[in-house]
């Protein structure tokens, strides 16, 4: 005979994509130097994947140092990092492993998808020509994201 005891209703949970991460104070302060669209974009992306904001605005000394270190090809004041608010931002998956291109590519893919949904046009340092092919770049700058203005 089948028991007719009732079971308590199941609790349902909202589907959460990713880990619901949040920025630390240093990332927040760097992001605050960026254009409002970059702030909105990355505040959505952090809900999906964990990453740090490495750089927003760069003054002349920081830009010169980035060029000397090979992290940028653009002299001050011509980088999108040099405007205030910054039209570019550098981010890295957390925890940071500068040699793990796959994690950077994944992060850029997540950000690209969110930007598309939000209607924010961006260029990624892993796909400068914006053709979707990350293997045809002469200079790959995995952390870099910049706004494309028409």
Protein backbone atom coordinates (compact mmCIF):
# COMPACT_ATOMS: atom_id res chain seq x y z
CA UNK A 1 0.00 0.00 0.00
CA UNK A 2 1.27 3.49 -0.89
CA UNK A 3 1.52 5.91 1.99
CA UNK A 4 -0.51 9.05 1.62
CA UNK A 5 1.64 11.18 3.91
CA UNK A 6 2.19 14.62 2.53
CA UNK A 7 5.63 16.10 2.13
CA UNK A 8 6.44 19.69 2.99
CA UNK A 9 6.65 21.96 -0.06
CA UNK A 10 10.11 22.28 -1.56
CA UNK A 11 11.90 25.54 -1.17
CA UNK A 12 12.90 26.98 -4.52
CA UNK A 13 16.01 29.01 -5.04
CA UNK A 14 16.68 31.56 -7.74
CA UNK A 15 19.13 30.42 -10.37
CA UNK A 16 22.42 32.17 -9.79
CA UNK A 17 24.99 32.31 -12.54
CA UNK A 18 28.52 32.37 -11.21
CA UNK A 19 29.52 33.06 -7.68
CA UNK A 20 28.01 36.46 -6.98
CA UNK A 21 31.42 37.98 -6.37
CA UNK A 22 32.11 41.57 -5.40
CA UNK A 23 34.99 44.01 -5.77
CA UNK A 24 37.46 44.76 -3.03
CA UNK A 25 38.28 48.34 -2.07
CA UNK A 26 41.30 48.64 -4.39
CA UNK A 27 39.34 47.42 -7.42
CA UNK A 28 36.45 49.74 -6.53
CA UNK A 29 38.74 52.76 -6.33
CA UNK A 30 40.37 51.97 -9.69
CA UNK A 31 37.01 51.32 -11.34
CA UNK A 32 35.75 54.67 -10.02
CA UNK A 33 38.24 56.41 -12.36
CA UNK A 34 36.52 54.84 -15.40
CA UNK A 35 33.71 55.97 -17.66
CA UNK A 36 30.22 55.25 -16.35
CA UNK A 37 29.60 52.60 -19.05
CA UNK A 38 32.70 50.65 -17.99
CA UNK A 39 31.58 50.88 -14.37
CA UNK A 40 28.10 49.58 -15.20
CA UNK A 41 29.55 46.77 -17.36
CA UNK A 42 32.08 45.55 -14.82
CA UNK A 43 29.63 45.82 -11.93
CA UNK A 44 27.49 43.30 -13.83
CA UNK A 45 30.43 41.08 -14.82
CA UNK A 46 31.65 40.72 -11.23
CA UNK A 47 28.35 39.02 -10.43
CA UNK A 48 29.34 36.21 -12.81
CA UNK A 49 33.10 35.80 -12.59
CA UNK A 50 35.73 36.85 -10.05
CA UNK A 51 38.33 39.36 -11.25
CA UNK A 52 40.35 42.35 -10.10
CA UNK A 53 40.53 45.82 -11.62
CA UNK A 54 44.21 46.41 -12.29
CA UNK A 55 44.10 49.87 -13.83
CA UNK A 56 41.61 52.53 -14.85
CA UNK A 57 42.92 56.05 -15.38
CA UNK A 58 46.66 56.46 -16.00
CA UNK A 59 48.45 59.75 -15.62
CA UNK A 60 51.56 60.61 -17.60
CA UNK A 61 54.03 58.82 -15.29
CA UNK A 62 51.95 55.61 -15.21
CA UNK A 63 51.47 55.63 -18.99
CA UNK A 64 55.18 56.18 -19.61
CA UNK A 65 55.98 53.29 -17.24
CA UNK A 66 53.43 51.04 -19.00
CA UNK A 67 55.06 51.76 -22.38
CA UNK A 68 58.56 51.12 -20.99
CA UNK A 69 57.39 47.82 -19.46
CA UNK A 70 55.85 46.72 -22.78
CA UNK A 71 52.33 46.72 -21.32
CA UNK A 72 51.22 49.49 -23.70
CA UNK A 73 52.20 50.62 -27.17
CA UNK A 74 50.59 54.07 -26.88
CA UNK A 75 52.38 57.15 -25.56
CA UNK A 76 50.75 59.63 -23.18
CA UNK A 77 48.26 61.32 -23.73
CA UNK A 78 46.97 59.11 -26.56
CA UNK A 79 45.88 56.03 -24.58
CA UNK A 80 42.24 55.60 -23.71
CA UNK A 81 43.52 55.12 -20.15
CA UNK A 82 44.72 58.74 -20.14
CA UNK A 83 41.33 60.45 -20.26
CA UNK A 84 39.42 61.17 -17.09
CA UNK A 85 37.14 59.39 -16.75
CA UNK A 86 39.15 56.62 -18.34
CA UNK A 87 37.77 55.09 -21.54
CA UNK A 88 39.78 51.91 -20.86
CA UNK A 89 40.26 49.50 -18.00
CA UNK A 90 42.58 46.58 -17.32
CA UNK A 91 41.18 43.58 -15.44
CA UNK A 92 42.55 40.16 -14.50
CA UNK A 93 40.86 36.96 -13.37
CA UNK A 94 41.22 36.36 -9.64
CA UNK A 95 43.41 34.82 -8.37
CA UNK A 96 45.80 36.37 -10.88
CA UNK A 97 48.01 34.11 -12.98
CA UNK A 98 49.54 36.28 -15.71
CA UNK A 99 50.54 33.16 -17.69
CA UNK A 100 47.05 31.63 -17.92
CA UNK A 101 45.75 32.95 -21.27
CA UNK A 102 42.74 30.63 -21.12
CA UNK A 103 41.40 32.32 -17.98
CA UNK A 104 41.91 35.76 -19.53
CA UNK A 105 40.15 34.64 -22.72
CA UNK A 106 37.25 33.28 -20.65
CA UNK A 107 37.00 36.54 -18.69
CA UNK A 108 37.01 38.60 -21.88
CA UNK A 109 34.31 36.36 -23.35
CA UNK A 110 32.09 36.85 -20.31
CA UNK A 111 32.61 40.62 -20.42
CA UNK A 112 31.99 40.73 -24.18
CA UNK A 113 28.69 38.87 -23.78
CA UNK A 114 27.49 41.12 -20.97
CA UNK A 115 28.52 44.24 -22.92
CA UNK A 116 26.53 42.99 -25.92
CA UNK A 117 23.40 42.44 -23.82
CA UNK A 118 23.82 45.89 -22.23
CA UNK A 119 24.38 47.60 -25.60
CA UNK A 120 27.88 48.79 -24.65
CA UNK A 121 30.35 48.62 -27.54
CA UNK A 122 33.83 47.52 -26.42
CA UNK A 123 37.15 46.44 -27.90
CA UNK A 124 39.17 43.79 -26.11
CA UNK A 125 42.95 43.60 -25.93
CA UNK A 126 42.67 39.95 -26.97
CA UNK A 127 40.79 40.89 -30.16
CA UNK A 128 41.88 44.35 -31.32
CA UNK A 129 40.33 44.02 -34.77
CA UNK A 130 37.03 42.85 -33.25
CA UNK A 131 36.67 39.94 -35.67
CA UNK A 132 36.18 37.29 -32.97
CA UNK A 133 39.52 35.63 -33.78
CA UNK A 134 41.99 35.87 -30.90
CA UNK A 135 44.74 34.10 -32.86
CA UNK A 136 45.39 36.88 -35.39
CA UNK A 137 46.66 39.58 -33.03
CA UNK A 138 50.13 41.11 -33.35
CA UNK A 139 49.95 42.46 -29.78
CA UNK A 140 47.76 40.75 -27.21
CA UNK A 141 46.86 42.75 -24.12
CA UNK A 142 44.62 40.30 -22.25
CA UNK A 143 43.67 42.62 -19.37
CA UNK A 144 42.59 45.52 -21.64
CA UNK A 145 39.00 46.58 -22.36
CA UNK A 146 38.12 49.88 -23.99
CA UNK A 147 34.96 51.66 -25.02
CA UNK A 148 34.39 52.06 -28.74
CA UNK A 149 32.81 55.38 -29.51
CA UNK A 150 31.09 55.95 -32.83
